[in-house]
């Protein structure tokens, strides 16, 4: 097994990891979690640390 095989296997491994991340991010069951996280910034108090 030479260096080119190792490089090819590493490239394939990185591609599969990338596809797994894409699948997890865009899977429908995670939509509610992302919607909650996106709207959580608006749920906090209107006062900041300085009391303004």
PDB file of N, CA and C in Angstrom:
ATOM      1  N   UNK A   1       0.856  -1.169   0.000  1.00  0.00           N
ATOM      2  CA  UNK A   1       0.000   0.000   0.000  1.00  0.00           C
ATOM      3  C   UNK A   1       0.909   1.242   0.000  1.00  0.00           C
ATOM      4  N   UNK A   2       0.770   2.040  -1.015  1.00  0.00           N
ATOM      5  CA  UNK A   2       1.612   3.224  -1.091  1.00  0.00           C
ATOM      6  C   UNK A   2       0.873   4.460  -0.576  1.00  0.00           C
ATOM      7  N   UNK A   3       1.533   5.585  -0.659  1.00  0.00           N
ATOM      8  CA  UNK A   3       1.002   6.831  -0.112  1.00  0.00           C
ATOM      9  C   UNK A   3      -0.269   7.258  -0.824  1.00  0.00           C
ATOM     10  N   UNK A   4      -0.390   7.000  -2.093  1.00  0.00           N
ATOM     11  CA  UNK A   4      -1.580   7.407  -2.839  1.00  0.00           C
ATOM     12  C   UNK A   4      -2.839   6.686  -2.347  1.00  0.00           C
ATOM     13  N   UNK A   5      -2.709   5.429  -1.944  1.00  0.00           N
ATOM     14  CA  UNK A   5      -3.863   4.708  -1.388  1.00  0.00           C
ATOM     15  C   UNK A   5      -4.308   5.336  -0.071  1.00  0.00           C
ATOM     16  N   UNK A   6      -3.339   5.683   0.729  1.00  0.00           N
ATOM     17  CA  UNK A   6      -3.656   6.302   2.013  1.00  0.00           C
ATOM     18  C   UNK A   6      -4.335   7.648   1.796  1.00  0.00           C
ATOM     19  N   UNK A   7      -3.838   8.428   0.861  1.00  0.00           N
ATOM     20  CA  UNK A   7      -4.461   9.708   0.537  1.00  0.00           C
ATOM     21  C   UNK A   7      -5.878   9.519   0.009  1.00  0.00           C
ATOM     22  N   UNK A   8      -6.075   8.528  -0.809  1.00  0.00           N
ATOM     23  CA  UNK A   8      -7.407   8.261  -1.355  1.00  0.00           C
ATOM     24  C   UNK A   8      -8.378   7.842  -0.257  1.00  0.00           C
ATOM     25  N   UNK A   9      -7.939   6.977   0.631  1.00  0.00           N
ATOM     26  CA  UNK A   9      -8.787   6.546   1.734  1.00  0.00           C
ATOM     27  C   UNK A   9      -9.106   7.705   2.676  1.00  0.00           C
ATOM     28  N   UNK A  10      -8.132   8.549   2.926  1.00  0.00           N
ATOM     29  CA  UNK A  10      -8.369   9.706   3.777  1.00  0.00           C
ATOM     30  C   UNK A  10      -9.377  10.666   3.129  1.00  0.00           C
ATOM     31  N   UNK A  11      -9.253  10.878   1.834  1.00  0.00           N
ATOM     32  CA  UNK A  11     -10.192  11.737   1.109  1.00  0.00           C
ATOM     33  C   UNK A  11     -11.602  11.156   1.174  1.00  0.00           C
ATOM     34  N   UNK A  12     -11.729   9.870   0.991  1.00  0.00           N
ATOM     35  CA  UNK A  12     -13.023   9.212   1.085  1.00  0.00           C
ATOM     36  C   UNK A  12     -13.600   9.339   2.492  1.00  0.00           C
ATOM     37  N   UNK A  13     -12.774   9.167   3.511  1.00  0.00           N
ATOM     38  CA  UNK A  13     -13.213   9.285   4.897  1.00  0.00           C
ATOM     39  C   UNK A  13     -13.704  10.694   5.207  1.00  0.00           C
ATOM     40  N   UNK A  14     -12.976  11.713   4.750  1.00  0.00           N
ATOM     41  CA  UNK A  14     -13.385  13.100   4.972  1.00  0.00           C
ATOM     42  C   UNK A  14     -14.698  13.388   4.249  1.00  0.00           C
ATOM     43  N   UNK A  15     -14.845  12.890   3.034  1.00  0.00           N
ATOM     44  CA  UNK A  15     -16.082  13.086   2.284  1.00  0.00           C
ATOM     45  C   UNK A  15     -17.267  12.442   2.991  1.00  0.00           C
ATOM     46  N   UNK A  16     -17.096  11.248   3.502  1.00  0.00           N
ATOM     47  CA  UNK A  16     -18.179  10.571   4.219  1.00  0.00           C
ATOM     48  C   UNK A  16     -18.540  11.312   5.507  1.00  0.00           C
ATOM     49  N   UNK A  17     -17.555  11.828   6.206  1.00  0.00           N
ATOM     50  CA  UNK A  17     -17.834  12.619   7.403  1.00  0.00           C
ATOM     51  C   UNK A  17     -18.584  13.893   7.037  1.00  0.00           C
ATOM     52  N   UNK A  18     -18.210  14.531   5.953  1.00  0.00           N
ATOM     53  CA  UNK A  18     -18.898  15.731   5.495  1.00  0.00           C
ATOM     54  C   UNK A  18     -20.352  15.419   5.143  1.00  0.00           C
ATOM     55  N   UNK A  19     -20.586  14.327   4.456  1.00  0.00           N
ATOM     56  CA  UNK A  19     -21.944  13.951   4.095  1.00  0.00           C
ATOM     57  C   UNK A  19     -22.766  13.622   5.346  1.00  0.00           C
ATOM     58  N   UNK A  20     -22.154  13.028   6.350  1.00  0.00           N
ATOM     59  CA  UNK A  20     -22.848  12.745   7.600  1.00  0.00           C
ATOM     60  C   UNK A  20     -23.252  14.040   8.304  1.00  0.00           C
ATOM     61  N   UNK A  21     -22.381  15.020   8.317  1.00  0.00           N
ATOM     62  CA  UNK A  21     -22.707  16.301   8.931  1.00  0.00           C
ATOM     63  C   UNK A  21     -23.847  16.973   8.175  1.00  0.00           C
ATOM     64  N   UNK A  22     -23.800  16.948   6.859  1.00  0.00           N
ATOM     65  CA  UNK A  22     -24.864  17.537   6.043  1.00  0.00           C
ATOM     66  C   UNK A  22     -26.194  16.841   6.327  1.00  0.00           C
ATOM     67  N   UNK A  23     -26.179  15.536   6.443  1.00  0.00           N
ATOM     68  CA  UNK A  23     -27.396  14.773   6.737  1.00  0.00           C
ATOM     69  C   UNK A  23     -27.963  15.161   8.098  1.00  0.00           C
ATOM     70  N   UNK A  24     -27.099  15.257   9.098  1.00  0.00           N
ATOM     71  CA  UNK A  24     -27.565  15.594  10.442  1.00  0.00           C
ATOM     72  C   UNK A  24     -28.147  16.996  10.473  1.00  0.00           C
ATOM     73  N   UNK A  25     -27.501  17.932   9.816  1.00  0.00           N
ATOM     74  CA  UNK A  25     -27.959  19.319   9.849  1.00  0.00           C
ATOM     75  C   UNK A  25     -29.294  19.488   9.138  1.00  0.00           C
ATOM     76  N   UNK A  26     -29.467  18.837   8.005  1.00  0.00           N
ATOM     77  CA  UNK A  26     -30.661  19.049   7.215  1.00  0.00           C
ATOM     78  C   UNK A  26     -31.767  18.022   7.436  1.00  0.00           C
ATOM     79  N   UNK A  27     -31.609  17.146   8.402  1.00  0.00           N
ATOM     80  CA  UNK A  27     -32.629  16.147   8.677  1.00  0.00           C
ATOM     81  C   UNK A  27     -33.847  16.826   9.284  1.00  0.00           C
ATOM     82  N   UNK A  28     -35.039  16.403   8.919  1.00  0.00           N
ATOM     83  CA  UNK A  28     -36.282  17.056   9.347  1.00  0.00           C
ATOM     84  C   UNK A  28     -36.492  17.044  10.851  1.00  0.00           C
ATOM     85  N   UNK A  29     -36.045  16.006  11.525  1.00  0.00           N
ATOM     86  CA  UNK A  29     -36.318  15.920  12.964  1.00  0.00           C
ATOM     87  C   UNK A  29     -35.543  16.966  13.747  1.00  0.00           C
ATOM     88  N   UNK A  30     -34.519  17.571  13.168  1.00  0.00           N
ATOM     89  CA  UNK A  30     -33.747  18.603  13.854  1.00  0.00           C
ATOM     90  C   UNK A  30     -34.282  20.002  13.603  1.00  0.00           C
ATOM     91  N   UNK A  31     -35.278  20.150  12.747  1.00  0.00           N
ATOM     92  CA  UNK A  31     -35.799  21.468  12.404  1.00  0.00           C
ATOM     93  C   UNK A  31     -36.330  22.191  13.631  1.00  0.00           C
ATOM     94  N   UNK A  32     -37.047  21.500  14.498  1.00  0.00           N
ATOM     95  CA  UNK A  32     -37.602  22.131  15.687  1.00  0.00           C
ATOM     96  C   UNK A  32     -36.486  22.655  16.592  1.00  0.00           C
ATOM     97  N   UNK A  33     -35.418  21.904  16.743  1.00  0.00           N
ATOM     98  CA  UNK A  33     -34.301  22.354  17.579  1.00  0.00           C
ATOM     99  C   UNK A  33     -33.670  23.618  17.013  1.00  0.00           C
ATOM    100  N   UNK A  34     -33.505  23.667  15.704  1.00  0.00           N
ATOM    101  CA  UNK A  34     -32.900  24.845  15.085  1.00  0.00           C
ATOM    102  C   UNK A  34     -33.841  26.044  15.165  1.00  0.00           C
ATOM    103  N   UNK A  35     -35.134  25.815  15.030  1.00  0.00           N
ATOM    104  CA  UNK A  35     -36.095  26.918  15.150  1.00  0.00           C
ATOM    105  C   UNK A  35     -36.094  27.483  16.565  1.00  0.00           C
ATOM    106  N   UNK A  36     -36.010  26.609  17.560  1.00  0.00           N
ATOM    107  CA  UNK A  36     -35.953  27.069  18.948  1.00  0.00           C
ATOM    108  C   UNK A  36     -34.677  27.853  19.213  1.00  0.00           C
ATOM    109  N   UNK A  37     -33.568  27.384  18.681  1.00  0.00           N
ATOM    110  CA  UNK A  37     -32.308  28.090  18.884  1.00  0.00           C
ATOM    111  C   UNK A  37     -32.317  29.441  18.186  1.00  0.00           C
ATOM    112  N   UNK A  38     -32.939  29.510  17.021  1.00  0.00           N
ATOM    113  CA  UNK A  38     -32.987  30.769  16.279  1.00  0.00           C
ATOM    114  C   UNK A  38     -33.872  31.788  16.977  1.00  0.00           C
ATOM    115  N   UNK A  39     -34.942  31.343  17.610  1.00  0.00           N
ATOM    116  CA  UNK A  39     -35.844  32.285  18.260  1.00  0.00           C
ATOM    117  C   UNK A  39     -35.464  32.544  19.716  1.00  0.00           C
ATOM    118  N   UNK A  40     -34.501  31.834  20.260  1.00  0.00           N
ATOM    119  CA  UNK A  40     -34.143  32.000  21.660  1.00  0.00           C
ATOM    120  C   UNK A  40     -33.522  33.365  21.939  1.00  0.00           C
ATOM    121  N   UNK A  41     -32.933  33.970  20.953  1.00  0.00           N
ATOM    122  CA  UNK A  41     -32.328  35.284  21.162  1.00  0.00           C
ATOM    123  C   UNK A  41     -33.394  36.327  21.462  1.00  0.00           C
ATOM    124  N   UNK A  42     -34.598  36.134  20.991  1.00  0.00           N
ATOM    125  CA  UNK A  42     -35.677  37.085  21.214  1.00  0.00           C
ATOM    126  C   UNK A  42     -36.419  36.819  22.525  1.00  0.00           C
ATOM    127  N   UNK A  43     -36.171  35.675  23.150  1.00  0.00           N
ATOM    128  CA  UNK A  43     -36.874  35.301  24.378  1.00  0.00           C
ATOM    129  C   UNK A  43     -36.241  35.886  25.637  1.00  0.00           C
ATOM    130  N   UNK A  44     -35.043  36.468  25.530  1.00  0.00           N
ATOM    131  CA  UNK A  44     -34.345  36.982  26.697  1.00  0.00           C
ATOM    132  C   UNK A  44     -34.899  38.340  27.109  1.00  0.00           C
ATOM    133  N   UNK A  45     -34.559  38.756  28.330  1.00  0.00           N
ATOM    134  CA  UNK A  45     -34.998  40.062  28.817  1.00  0.00           C
ATOM    135  C   UNK A  45     -34.494  41.187  27.944  1.00  0.00           C
ATOM    136  N   UNK A  46     -35.232  42.278  27.949  1.00  0.00           N
ATOM    137  CA  UNK A  46     -34.821  43.428  27.142  1.00  0.00           C
ATOM    138  C   UNK A  46     -33.738  44.237  27.839  1.00  0.00           C
ATOM    139  N   UNK A  47     -33.550  44.022  29.143  1.00  0.00           N
ATOM    140  CA  UNK A  47     -32.497  44.753  29.854  1.00  0.00           C
ATOM    141  C   UNK A  47     -31.168  44.026  29.707  1.00  0.00           C
ATOM    142  N   UNK A  48     -30.107  44.818  29.565  1.00  0.00           N
ATOM    143  CA  UNK A  48     -28.785  44.217  29.456  1.00  0.00           C
ATOM    144  C   UNK A  48     -28.041  44.348  30.780  1.00  0.00           C
ATOM    145  N   UNK A  49     -26.763  44.093  30.811  1.00  0.00           N
ATOM    146  CA  UNK A  49     -25.972  44.086  32.036  1.00  0.00           C
ATOM    147  C   UNK A  49     -25.923  45.475  32.692  1.00  0.00           C
ATOM    148  N   UNK A  50     -25.943  46.534  31.897  1.00  0.00           N
ATOM    149  CA  UNK A  50     -25.812  47.875  32.433  1.00  0.00           C
ATOM    150  C   UNK A  50     -27.132  48.428  32.946  1.00  0.00           C
ATOM    151  N   UNK A  51     -28.224  47.711  32.830  1.00  0.00           N
ATOM    152  CA  UNK A  51     -29.502  48.142  33.330  1.00  0.00           C
ATOM    153  C   UNK A  51     -30.180  49.193  32.474  1.00  0.00           C
ATOM    154  N   UNK A  52     -29.829  49.255  31.245  1.00  0.00           N
ATOM    155  CA  UNK A  52     -30.449  50.232  30.340  1.00  0.00           C
ATOM    156  C   UNK A  52     -31.787  49.777  29.856  1.00  0.00           C
TER     157      UNK A  52
END
